[in-house]
Amino acid sequence: MWDAVVTCFFLDTARNVIQYIELIYKILKVGGVWINLGPLCYHYASSPTEFSVEFSWEELKHMITEIGFVIEVEKKLHFINL
């Protein structure tokens, strides 16, 4: 059991992101915190030979709360390529 889990550029590496979210929820202690940073540029989306499930952030947010998480802070960051 963990007090916190931090994921960075991680969720979009999943073939099925819901399995990742369920596992993160399962390994957190009650009152634990999950911090996530990263885009949803699904790694397997453009591969015709690989199965993957790609959800929008709005769809994922709904599923995350259905699994049991409470979203306390949500920030969208915009990066400028120089």
Protein backbone atom coordinates (compact mmCIF):
# COMPACT_ATOMS: atom_id res chain seq x y z
CA MET A 1 0.00 0.00 0.00
CA TRP A 2 1.27 3.45 -0.95
CA ASP A 3 0.58 6.95 0.41
CA ALA A 4 1.07 8.46 -3.03
CA VAL A 5 1.55 7.45 -6.64
CA VAL A 6 2.93 9.86 -9.23
CA THR A 7 2.56 9.10 -12.92
CA CYS A 8 4.19 11.21 -15.62
CA PHE A 9 3.58 10.58 -19.32
CA PHE A 10 2.32 7.15 -18.30
CA LEU A 11 -1.42 6.67 -18.85
CA ASP A 12 -1.16 6.83 -22.62
CA THR A 13 1.29 3.90 -22.66
CA ALA A 14 -1.54 1.52 -21.79
CA ARG A 15 -3.37 -0.72 -24.17
CA ASN A 16 -6.28 -0.44 -21.71
CA VAL A 17 -5.92 2.65 -19.51
CA ILE A 18 -8.76 1.54 -17.21
CA GLN A 19 -6.61 -1.36 -15.97
CA TYR A 20 -3.87 1.12 -15.05
CA ILE A 21 -6.32 3.34 -13.15
CA GLU A 22 -7.87 0.40 -11.28
CA LEU A 23 -4.42 -0.84 -10.24
CA ILE A 24 -3.35 2.61 -9.03
CA TYR A 25 -6.55 2.84 -6.97
CA LYS A 26 -5.97 -0.63 -5.53
CA ILE A 27 -2.39 0.06 -4.36
CA LEU A 28 -3.16 3.39 -2.68
CA LYS A 29 -3.87 3.55 1.05
CA VAL A 30 -7.19 5.05 2.10
CA GLY A 31 -6.66 8.79 1.79
CA GLY A 32 -3.73 8.26 -0.58
CA VAL A 33 -2.99 10.67 -3.41
CA TRP A 34 -2.48 10.05 -7.11
CA ILE A 35 -0.76 12.81 -9.07
CA ASN A 36 -0.75 12.50 -12.85
CA LEU A 37 0.92 14.62 -15.51
CA GLY A 38 0.95 13.97 -19.19
CA PRO A 39 -0.93 14.06 -22.45
CA LEU A 40 -3.25 11.45 -23.86
CA CYS A 41 -1.22 10.69 -26.98
CA TYR A 42 -1.97 7.00 -26.87
CA HIS A 43 1.12 5.01 -27.80
CA TYR A 44 -0.71 2.21 -29.62
CA ALA A 45 -3.36 4.34 -31.35
CA SER A 46 -1.57 4.49 -34.69
CA SER A 47 -0.47 0.87 -34.74
CA PRO A 48 -2.83 -1.25 -36.86
CA THR A 49 -1.51 -4.49 -35.36
CA GLU A 50 -1.93 -3.49 -31.70
CA PHE A 51 -5.18 -3.39 -29.74
CA SER A 52 -5.71 -0.32 -27.59
CA VAL A 53 -8.54 1.65 -26.03
CA GLU A 54 -8.31 5.44 -26.29
CA PHE A 55 -10.58 7.67 -24.23
CA SER A 56 -10.88 11.45 -24.19
CA TRP A 57 -9.97 13.26 -20.97
CA GLU A 58 -13.66 13.89 -20.26
CA GLU A 59 -14.43 10.18 -20.62
CA LEU A 60 -11.43 9.24 -18.48
CA LYS A 61 -12.34 11.75 -15.81
CA HIS A 62 -15.79 10.14 -15.48
CA MET A 63 -14.27 6.65 -15.22
CA ILE A 64 -11.66 7.80 -12.70
CA THR A 65 -14.40 9.06 -10.39
CA GLU A 66 -16.51 5.93 -10.96
CA ILE A 67 -13.54 3.80 -9.82
CA GLY A 68 -13.48 5.79 -6.57
CA PHE A 69 -11.07 8.68 -6.97
CA VAL A 70 -12.04 12.22 -6.01
CA ILE A 71 -10.47 14.83 -8.28
CA GLU A 72 -9.38 17.62 -5.97
CA VAL A 73 -7.27 19.67 -8.38
CA GLU A 74 -7.29 19.68 -12.16
CA LYS A 75 -5.00 21.88 -14.19
CA LYS A 76 -4.41 21.89 -17.90
CA LEU A 77 -0.96 23.00 -18.95
CA HIS A 78 -0.17 24.40 -22.35
CA PHE A 79 3.35 24.15 -23.67
CA ILE A 80 4.87 26.28 -26.37
CA ASN A 81 7.38 24.65 -28.71
CA LEU A 82 10.30 26.97 -29.32
